[in-house]
């Protein structure tokens, strides 16, 4: 029995087409996975950038508050900034993500008097070292937040003098 040449040739073509389809499918899957990985990397980088911008904006607002708060409230018992070494801590919302998800951070505030302030202003100065009776305070705000399980800390310090 002899197999005709045309039948043998057709069988080889069918097997070759199956290999070509398998290779094409594997290539398509690899390209799809690489594209998915690139998209996920871009999205996580974008999330980090958005949270950085939110935290910077919140601390800019905090610096503006420290610059405009009346001096009498800086050294009062109701001050937003506790007298160092104490720290006032609060949980704040620094922004919102798509889907109305809140971005939460922890805000720590403290105020530090200049050592040359008079004793009534938290310092150890006297009329010889501070004849004008001037006051200087460092108002420090520290913001702690997380992005993808990593903790970040930013701070702003405002010097107020009168």
N, C-alpha and C. Protein backbone atom coordinates (compact mmCIF):
# COMPACT_ATOMS: atom_id res chain seq x y z
N UNK A 1 0.81 -1.17 0.00
CA UNK A 1 0.00 0.00 0.00
C UNK A 1 0.86 1.24 0.00
N UNK A 2 0.53 1.98 -0.87
CA UNK A 2 1.30 3.21 -1.00
C UNK A 2 0.38 4.39 -0.75
N UNK A 3 0.86 5.33 0.11
CA UNK A 3 0.08 6.53 0.41
C UNK A 3 0.43 7.56 -0.64
N UNK A 4 -0.62 8.16 -1.09
CA UNK A 4 -0.36 9.15 -2.13
C UNK A 4 0.35 10.36 -1.56
N UNK A 5 1.13 11.02 -2.35
CA UNK A 5 1.90 12.17 -1.95
C UNK A 5 1.01 13.33 -1.54
N UNK A 6 -0.09 13.49 -2.18
CA UNK A 6 -0.97 14.62 -1.87
C UNK A 6 -1.61 14.46 -0.50
N UNK A 7 -1.94 13.23 -0.05
CA UNK A 7 -2.53 13.02 1.27
C UNK A 7 -1.51 13.31 2.36
N UNK A 8 -0.31 12.85 2.19
CA UNK A 8 0.75 13.07 3.16
C UNK A 8 1.06 14.56 3.29
N UNK A 9 1.04 15.24 2.18
CA UNK A 9 1.32 16.68 2.17
C UNK A 9 0.22 17.46 2.91
N UNK A 10 -1.05 17.06 2.77
CA UNK A 10 -2.17 17.73 3.43
C UNK A 10 -2.09 17.55 4.96
N UNK A 11 -1.70 16.40 5.42
CA UNK A 11 -1.59 16.14 6.87
C UNK A 11 -0.53 17.04 7.50
N UNK A 12 0.57 17.23 6.83
CA UNK A 12 1.63 18.10 7.33
C UNK A 12 1.16 19.54 7.41
N UNK A 13 0.37 19.97 6.45
CA UNK A 13 -0.14 21.35 6.45
C UNK A 13 -1.09 21.58 7.61
N UNK A 14 -1.95 20.60 7.92
CA UNK A 14 -2.89 20.74 9.02
C UNK A 14 -2.15 20.80 10.36
N UNK A 15 -1.17 20.00 10.56
CA UNK A 15 -0.37 20.03 11.79
C UNK A 15 0.40 21.33 11.92
N UNK A 16 0.91 21.83 10.84
CA UNK A 16 1.64 23.08 10.84
C UNK A 16 0.74 24.26 11.20
N UNK A 17 -0.49 24.23 10.73
CA UNK A 17 -1.43 25.30 11.05
C UNK A 17 -1.76 25.30 12.54
N UNK A 18 -1.87 24.14 13.16
CA UNK A 18 -2.15 24.03 14.59
C UNK A 18 -1.01 24.63 15.42
N UNK A 19 0.23 24.36 15.02
CA UNK A 19 1.39 24.93 15.70
C UNK A 19 1.40 26.45 15.55
N UNK A 20 1.10 26.95 14.37
CA UNK A 20 1.06 28.40 14.14
C UNK A 20 0.01 29.07 15.02
N UNK A 21 -1.16 28.46 15.15
CA UNK A 21 -2.22 29.02 15.99
C UNK A 21 -1.79 29.03 17.46
N UNK A 22 -1.15 27.96 17.92
CA UNK A 22 -0.71 27.87 19.32
C UNK A 22 0.34 28.94 19.62
N UNK A 23 1.28 29.14 18.72
CA UNK A 23 2.32 30.16 18.91
C UNK A 23 1.69 31.55 18.91
N UNK A 24 0.76 31.79 18.02
CA UNK A 24 0.09 33.10 17.96
C UNK A 24 -0.69 33.37 19.25
N UNK A 25 -1.38 32.35 19.74
CA UNK A 25 -2.15 32.49 20.98
C UNK A 25 -1.23 32.78 22.16
N UNK A 26 -0.12 32.08 22.27
CA UNK A 26 0.84 32.30 23.36
C UNK A 26 1.41 33.71 23.30
N UNK A 27 1.73 34.18 22.11
CA UNK A 27 2.25 35.54 21.94
C UNK A 27 1.21 36.57 22.37
N UNK A 28 -0.03 36.36 22.00
CA UNK A 28 -1.12 37.26 22.39
C UNK A 28 -1.30 37.31 23.91
N UNK A 29 -1.23 36.16 24.56
CA UNK A 29 -1.37 36.10 26.03
C UNK A 29 -0.22 36.85 26.70
N UNK A 30 0.99 36.67 26.21
CA UNK A 30 2.16 37.36 26.80
C UNK A 30 2.03 38.86 26.65
N UNK A 31 1.63 39.33 25.47
CA UNK A 31 1.44 40.77 25.26
C UNK A 31 0.34 41.31 26.17
N UNK A 32 -0.74 40.56 26.34
CA UNK A 32 -1.84 41.00 27.22
C UNK A 32 -1.38 41.10 28.67
N UNK A 33 -0.59 40.14 29.14
CA UNK A 33 -0.09 40.18 30.52
C UNK A 33 0.86 41.35 30.74
N UNK A 34 1.72 41.61 29.78
CA UNK A 34 2.64 42.75 29.90
C UNK A 34 1.87 44.08 29.92
N UNK A 35 0.84 44.18 29.10
CA UNK A 35 0.01 45.39 29.09
C UNK A 35 -0.72 45.57 30.42
N UNK A 36 -1.24 44.48 30.98
CA UNK A 36 -1.92 44.53 32.28
C UNK A 36 -0.96 44.98 33.37
N UNK A 37 0.26 44.42 33.37
CA UNK A 37 1.25 44.81 34.38
C UNK A 37 1.60 46.30 34.25
N UNK A 38 1.76 46.79 33.05
CA UNK A 38 2.07 48.21 32.84
C UNK A 38 0.92 49.09 33.32
N UNK A 39 -0.31 48.66 33.08
CA UNK A 39 -1.47 49.44 33.53
C UNK A 39 -1.55 49.50 35.04
N UNK A 40 -1.28 48.39 35.71
CA UNK A 40 -1.31 48.35 37.17
C UNK A 40 -0.20 49.22 37.74
N UNK A 41 0.97 49.18 37.17
CA UNK A 41 2.08 50.02 37.62
C UNK A 41 1.74 51.50 37.46
N UNK A 42 1.16 51.86 36.35
CA UNK A 42 0.78 53.26 36.11
C UNK A 42 -0.28 53.71 37.09
N UNK A 43 -1.25 52.85 37.39
CA UNK A 43 -2.32 53.21 38.32
C UNK A 43 -1.79 53.38 39.73
N UNK A 44 -0.87 52.52 40.17
CA UNK A 44 -0.33 52.66 41.53
C UNK A 44 0.54 53.91 41.64
N UNK A 45 1.27 54.25 40.60
CA UNK A 45 2.07 55.48 40.61
C UNK A 45 1.16 56.69 40.65
N UNK A 46 0.06 56.62 39.93
CA UNK A 46 -0.89 57.73 39.94
C UNK A 46 -1.50 57.90 41.33
N UNK A 47 -1.84 56.81 42.00
CA UNK A 47 -2.40 56.89 43.35
C UNK A 47 -1.42 57.56 44.30
N UNK A 48 -0.13 57.22 44.19
CA UNK A 48 0.89 57.82 45.04
C UNK A 48 0.97 59.33 44.77
N UNK A 49 0.96 59.71 43.50
CA UNK A 49 1.06 61.12 43.12
C UNK A 49 -0.14 61.91 43.63
N UNK A 50 -1.32 61.33 43.51
CA UNK A 50 -2.53 62.02 43.98
C UNK A 50 -2.47 62.24 45.49
N UNK A 51 -2.05 61.23 46.23
CA UNK A 51 -1.96 61.38 47.70
C UNK A 51 -0.88 62.38 48.10
N UNK A 52 0.21 62.42 47.35
CA UNK A 52 1.26 63.41 47.63
C UNK A 52 0.71 64.82 47.43
N UNK A 53 -0.03 65.03 46.36
CA UNK A 53 -0.61 66.34 46.09
C UNK A 53 -1.62 66.72 47.17
N UNK A 54 -2.43 65.75 47.61
CA UNK A 54 -3.40 66.02 48.67
C UNK A 54 -2.72 66.40 49.99
N UNK A 55 -1.65 65.67 50.33
CA UNK A 55 -0.96 65.97 51.58
C UNK A 55 -0.26 67.32 51.51
N UNK A 56 0.32 67.67 50.36
CA UNK A 56 0.94 68.98 50.20
C UNK A 56 -0.10 70.10 50.33
N UNK A 57 -1.26 69.90 49.71
CA UNK A 57 -2.32 70.91 49.79
C UNK A 57 -2.81 71.07 51.23
N UNK A 58 -2.95 69.96 51.94
CA UNK A 58 -3.41 70.04 53.33
C UNK A 58 -2.39 70.78 54.20
N UNK A 59 -1.12 70.49 54.00
CA UNK A 59 -0.09 71.17 54.81
C UNK A 59 0.05 72.64 54.42
N UNK A 60 -0.24 72.99 53.19
CA UNK A 60 -0.25 74.41 52.80
C UNK A 60 -1.35 75.13 53.55
N UNK A 61 -2.52 74.48 53.66
CA UNK A 61 -3.63 75.04 54.43
C UNK A 61 -3.24 75.17 55.90
N UNK A 62 -2.54 74.18 56.41
CA UNK A 62 -2.09 74.19 57.81
C UNK A 62 -1.10 75.34 58.06
N UNK A 63 -0.19 75.57 57.12
CA UNK A 63 0.77 76.68 57.24
C UNK A 63 0.05 78.02 57.22
N UNK A 64 -0.95 78.14 56.35
CA UNK A 64 -1.72 79.39 56.28
C UNK A 64 -2.46 79.64 57.60
N UNK A 65 -3.00 78.58 58.19
CA UNK A 65 -3.67 78.72 59.48
C UNK A 65 -2.69 79.17 60.55
N UNK A 66 -1.50 78.59 60.57
CA UNK A 66 -0.49 78.95 61.57
C UNK A 66 -0.04 80.40 61.39
N UNK A 67 -0.03 80.91 60.17
CA UNK A 67 0.41 82.29 59.93
C UNK A 67 -0.65 83.32 60.29
N UNK A 68 -1.93 82.92 60.25
CA UNK A 68 -2.96 83.92 60.46
C UNK A 68 -3.67 83.82 61.82
N UNK A 69 -3.39 82.79 62.60
CA UNK A 69 -4.04 82.65 63.90
C UNK A 69 -3.62 83.82 64.80
N UNK A 70 -4.56 84.44 65.51
CA UNK A 70 -4.18 85.56 66.39
C UNK A 70 -3.17 85.12 67.45
N UNK A 71 -2.25 86.01 67.74
CA UNK A 71 -1.17 85.69 68.68
C UNK A 71 -1.71 85.32 70.05
N UNK A 72 -2.79 85.93 70.48
CA UNK A 72 -3.35 85.61 71.79
C UNK A 72 -3.81 84.16 71.88
N UNK A 73 -4.22 83.58 70.75
CA UNK A 73 -4.67 82.18 70.74
C UNK A 73 -3.52 81.20 70.68
N UNK A 74 -2.35 81.65 70.25
CA UNK A 74 -1.20 80.73 70.18
C UNK A 74 -0.83 80.23 71.56
N UNK A 75 -0.82 81.13 72.54
CA UNK A 75 -0.37 80.79 73.89
C UNK A 75 -1.54 80.51 74.84
N UNK A 76 -2.75 80.36 74.31
CA UNK A 76 -3.89 80.12 75.20
C UNK A 76 -4.10 78.63 75.43
N UNK A 77 -4.96 78.31 76.40
CA UNK A 77 -5.27 76.91 76.69
C UNK A 77 -6.07 76.27 75.55
N UNK A 78 -6.75 77.08 74.74
CA UNK A 78 -7.56 76.56 73.63
C UNK A 78 -6.79 76.54 72.31
N UNK A 79 -5.49 76.71 72.37
CA UNK A 79 -4.67 76.73 71.15
C UNK A 79 -4.76 75.38 70.42
N UNK A 80 -4.74 75.43 69.11
CA UNK A 80 -4.74 74.21 68.31
C UNK A 80 -3.41 73.46 68.45
N UNK A 81 -2.35 74.19 68.82
CA UNK A 81 -1.02 73.61 68.98
C UNK A 81 -0.74 73.47 70.47
N UNK A 82 -0.52 72.24 70.95
CA UNK A 82 -0.20 72.00 72.36
C UNK A 82 1.21 72.48 72.66
N UNK A 83 1.43 72.84 73.91
CA UNK A 83 2.76 73.30 74.33
C UNK A 83 3.70 72.11 74.40
N UNK A 84 4.83 72.22 73.73
CA UNK A 84 5.83 71.15 73.70
C UNK A 84 6.28 70.84 75.12
N UNK A 85 6.46 69.65 75.51
CA UNK A 85 6.60 68.40 74.76
C UNK A 85 5.27 67.71 74.44
N UNK A 86 4.15 68.26 74.90
CA UNK A 86 2.85 67.66 74.56
C UNK A 86 2.57 67.86 73.07
N UNK A 87 1.75 66.98 72.53
CA UNK A 87 1.38 67.03 71.12
C UNK A 87 -0.12 66.78 71.03
N UNK A 88 -0.81 67.63 70.28
CA UNK A 88 -2.23 67.35 70.03
C UNK A 88 -2.32 66.54 68.74
N UNK A 89 -3.10 65.47 68.80
CA UNK A 89 -3.20 64.55 67.67
C UNK A 89 -4.66 64.44 67.25
N UNK A 90 -4.90 64.47 65.94
CA UNK A 90 -6.26 64.30 65.42
C UNK A 90 -6.21 63.57 64.09
N UNK A 91 -7.30 62.89 63.79
CA UNK A 91 -7.44 62.22 62.49
C UNK A 91 -8.17 63.17 61.57
N UNK A 92 -7.61 63.39 60.38
CA UNK A 92 -8.17 64.35 59.44
C UNK A 92 -8.38 63.70 58.08
N UNK A 93 -9.31 64.25 57.32
CA UNK A 93 -9.52 63.83 55.93
C UNK A 93 -8.80 64.84 55.05
N UNK A 94 -7.80 64.36 54.30
CA UNK A 94 -7.02 65.29 53.48
C UNK A 94 -7.54 65.38 52.05
N UNK A 95 -8.49 64.53 51.70
CA UNK A 95 -9.06 64.58 50.36
C UNK A 95 -9.95 63.39 50.09
N UNK A 96 -10.45 63.33 48.86
CA UNK A 96 -11.33 62.24 48.44
C UNK A 96 -10.84 61.69 47.10
N UNK A 97 -10.93 60.38 46.97
CA UNK A 97 -10.57 59.70 45.73
C UNK A 97 -11.84 59.39 44.94
N UNK A 98 -11.72 58.99 43.69
CA UNK A 98 -12.91 58.59 42.93
C UNK A 98 -13.70 57.52 43.69
N UNK A 99 -15.00 57.60 43.59
CA UNK A 99 -15.85 56.69 44.35
C UNK A 99 -16.14 57.24 45.74
N UNK A 100 -15.79 58.51 45.97
CA UNK A 100 -16.02 59.20 47.25
C UNK A 100 -15.30 58.52 48.42
N UNK A 101 -14.15 57.91 48.14
CA UNK A 101 -13.35 57.29 49.20
C UNK A 101 -12.48 58.36 49.85
N UNK A 102 -12.54 58.44 51.18
CA UNK A 102 -11.78 59.43 51.93
C UNK A 102 -10.32 59.02 52.05
N UNK A 103 -9.43 60.00 51.99
CA UNK A 103 -8.01 59.79 52.27
C UNK A 103 -7.78 60.34 53.67
N UNK A 104 -7.45 59.45 54.60
CA UNK A 104 -7.33 59.79 56.01
C UNK A 104 -5.84 59.92 56.38
N UNK A 105 -5.56 60.86 57.28
CA UNK A 105 -4.19 61.04 57.79
C UNK A 105 -4.28 61.41 59.27
N UNK A 106 -3.15 61.35 59.93
CA UNK A 106 -3.06 61.76 61.33
C UNK A 106 -2.25 63.04 61.40
N UNK A 107 -2.81 64.05 62.06
CA UNK A 107 -2.16 65.36 62.19
C UNK A 107 -1.70 65.54 63.63
N UNK A 108 -0.40 65.85 63.78
CA UNK A 108 0.18 66.12 65.10
C UNK A 108 0.60 67.59 65.12
N UNK A 109 0.22 68.31 66.19
CA UNK A 109 0.58 69.73 66.31
C UNK A 109 1.25 69.98 67.65
N UNK A 110 2.26 70.85 67.61
CA UNK A 110 2.90 71.28 68.85
C UNK A 110 3.45 72.69 68.66
N UNK A 111 3.56 73.42 69.76
CA UNK A 111 4.15 74.76 69.70
C UNK A 111 5.36 74.79 70.64
N UNK A 112 6.40 75.45 70.16
CA UNK A 112 7.66 75.49 70.90
C UNK A 112 8.03 76.95 71.12
N UNK A 113 8.12 77.38 72.39
CA UNK A 113 8.49 78.78 72.65
C UNK A 113 9.99 79.00 72.46
N UNK A 114 10.34 80.21 72.11
CA UNK A 114 11.75 80.57 72.05
C UNK A 114 12.28 80.60 73.48
N UNK A 115 13.49 80.12 73.70
CA UNK A 115 14.04 80.14 75.06
C UNK A 115 14.18 81.57 75.59
N UNK A 116 14.24 82.57 74.70
CA UNK A 116 14.41 83.95 75.13
C UNK A 116 13.08 84.65 75.42
N UNK A 117 11.95 83.97 75.20
CA UNK A 117 10.67 84.55 75.57
C UNK A 117 10.64 84.81 77.07
N UNK A 118 9.86 85.80 77.48
CA UNK A 118 9.66 86.02 78.90
C UNK A 118 8.92 84.83 79.49
N UNK A 119 8.99 84.65 80.81
CA UNK A 119 8.36 83.49 81.44
C UNK A 119 6.85 83.45 81.18
N UNK A 120 6.21 84.61 81.04
CA UNK A 120 4.77 84.64 80.75
C UNK A 120 4.45 84.09 79.36
N UNK A 121 5.46 84.00 78.51
CA UNK A 121 5.28 83.48 77.16
C UNK A 121 6.01 82.16 76.96
N UNK A 122 6.25 81.43 78.06
CA UNK A 122 6.81 80.10 77.97
C UNK A 122 8.32 80.01 77.87
N UNK A 123 9.02 81.10 78.00
CA UNK A 123 10.48 81.07 77.89
C UNK A 123 11.15 81.27 79.23
N UNK A 124 12.46 81.45 79.20
CA UNK A 124 13.23 81.68 80.42
C UNK A 124 13.98 83.01 80.35
N UNK A 125 13.57 83.87 79.40
CA UNK A 125 14.21 85.17 79.26
C UNK A 125 13.77 86.13 80.37
N UNK A 126 14.49 87.23 80.49
CA UNK A 126 14.14 88.26 81.47
C UNK A 126 14.28 89.63 80.81
N UNK A 127 14.07 90.67 81.57
CA UNK A 127 14.11 92.01 80.99
C UNK A 127 15.51 92.39 80.51
N UNK A 128 16.55 91.75 81.01
CA UNK A 128 17.91 92.01 80.53
C UNK A 128 18.18 91.32 79.18
N UNK A 129 17.72 90.07 79.02
CA UNK A 129 17.97 89.34 77.77
C UNK A 129 16.93 89.64 76.71
N UNK A 130 15.76 90.14 77.12
CA UNK A 130 14.68 90.42 76.19
C UNK A 130 14.02 91.74 76.60
N UNK A 131 14.71 92.88 76.44
CA UNK A 131 14.17 94.16 76.93
C UNK A 131 12.90 94.60 76.20
N UNK A 132 12.70 94.16 74.97
CA UNK A 132 11.51 94.57 74.24
C UNK A 132 10.30 93.70 74.57
N UNK A 133 10.51 92.59 75.27
CA UNK A 133 9.41 91.69 75.61
C UNK A 133 8.84 90.97 74.40
N UNK A 134 9.67 90.76 73.39
CA UNK A 134 9.17 90.09 72.18
C UNK A 134 8.93 88.60 72.44
N UNK A 135 8.08 88.03 71.62
CA UNK A 135 7.76 86.60 71.71
C UNK A 135 8.05 85.94 70.36
N UNK A 136 8.53 84.72 70.42
CA UNK A 136 8.71 83.92 69.21
C UNK A 136 8.22 82.50 69.50
N UNK A 137 7.44 81.98 68.57
CA UNK A 137 6.90 80.62 68.69
C UNK A 137 7.12 79.86 67.39
N UNK A 138 7.50 78.60 67.52
CA UNK A 138 7.54 77.71 66.37
C UNK A 138 6.29 76.83 66.45
N UNK A 139 5.44 76.96 65.45
CA UNK A 139 4.24 76.14 65.37
C UNK A 139 4.52 75.01 64.39
N UNK A 140 4.51 73.78 64.89
CA UNK A 140 4.89 72.65 64.06
C UNK A 140 3.68 71.74 63.82
N UNK A 141 3.46 71.40 62.55
CA UNK A 141 2.39 70.49 62.15
C UNK A 141 3.03 69.32 61.42
N UNK A 142 2.69 68.10 61.85
CA UNK A 142 3.24 66.88 61.25
C UNK A 142 2.08 66.03 60.75
N UNK A 143 2.12 65.66 59.48
CA UNK A 143 1.06 64.87 58.86
C UNK A 143 1.61 63.48 58.55
N UNK A 144 0.91 62.44 59.03
CA UNK A 144 1.32 61.05 58.81
C UNK A 144 0.21 60.37 58.02
N UNK A 145 0.57 59.74 56.88
CA UNK A 145 -0.42 59.07 56.05
C UNK A 145 0.20 57.86 55.38
N UNK A 146 -0.66 57.00 54.81
CA UNK A 146 -0.19 55.78 54.17
C UNK A 146 -0.58 55.74 52.70
N UNK A 147 0.30 55.14 51.91
CA UNK A 147 0.01 54.85 50.51
C UNK A 147 0.49 53.42 50.26
N UNK A 148 -0.43 52.53 49.93
CA UNK A 148 -0.14 51.13 49.66
C UNK A 148 0.68 50.48 50.78
N UNK A 149 0.29 50.75 52.02
CA UNK A 149 0.94 50.11 53.16
C UNK A 149 2.24 50.76 53.62
N UNK A 150 2.71 51.76 52.91
CA UNK A 150 3.94 52.47 53.31
C UNK A 150 3.56 53.77 53.99
N UNK A 151 4.18 54.07 55.12
CA UNK A 151 3.87 55.27 55.89
C UNK A 151 4.76 56.43 55.45
N UNK A 152 4.14 57.58 55.26
CA UNK A 152 4.86 58.80 54.87
C UNK A 152 4.61 59.87 55.92
N UNK A 153 5.60 60.73 56.14
CA UNK A 153 5.51 61.80 57.13
C UNK A 153 5.96 63.09 56.47
N UNK A 154 5.14 64.13 56.62
CA UNK A 154 5.51 65.46 56.14
C UNK A 154 5.30 66.45 57.28
N UNK A 155 6.11 67.49 57.31
CA UNK A 155 5.94 68.47 58.38
C UNK A 155 6.13 69.88 57.83
N UNK A 156 5.51 70.81 58.53
CA UNK A 156 5.68 72.23 58.24
C UNK A 156 5.86 72.94 59.58
N UNK A 157 6.82 73.84 59.63
CA UNK A 157 7.04 74.63 60.83
C UNK A 157 6.93 76.09 60.47
N UNK A 158 6.13 76.82 61.24
CA UNK A 158 5.91 78.25 61.02
C UNK A 158 6.45 79.00 62.21
N UNK A 159 7.27 80.00 61.96
CA UNK A 159 7.82 80.85 63.02
C UNK A 159 6.96 82.10 63.13
N UNK A 160 6.43 82.33 64.32
CA UNK A 160 5.63 83.54 64.57
C UNK A 160 6.37 84.40 65.59
N UNK A 161 6.53 85.67 65.29
CA UNK A 161 7.26 86.59 66.16
C UNK A 161 6.43 87.87 66.32
N UNK A 162 6.39 88.37 67.56
CA UNK A 162 5.79 89.70 67.78
C UNK A 162 6.56 90.43 68.83
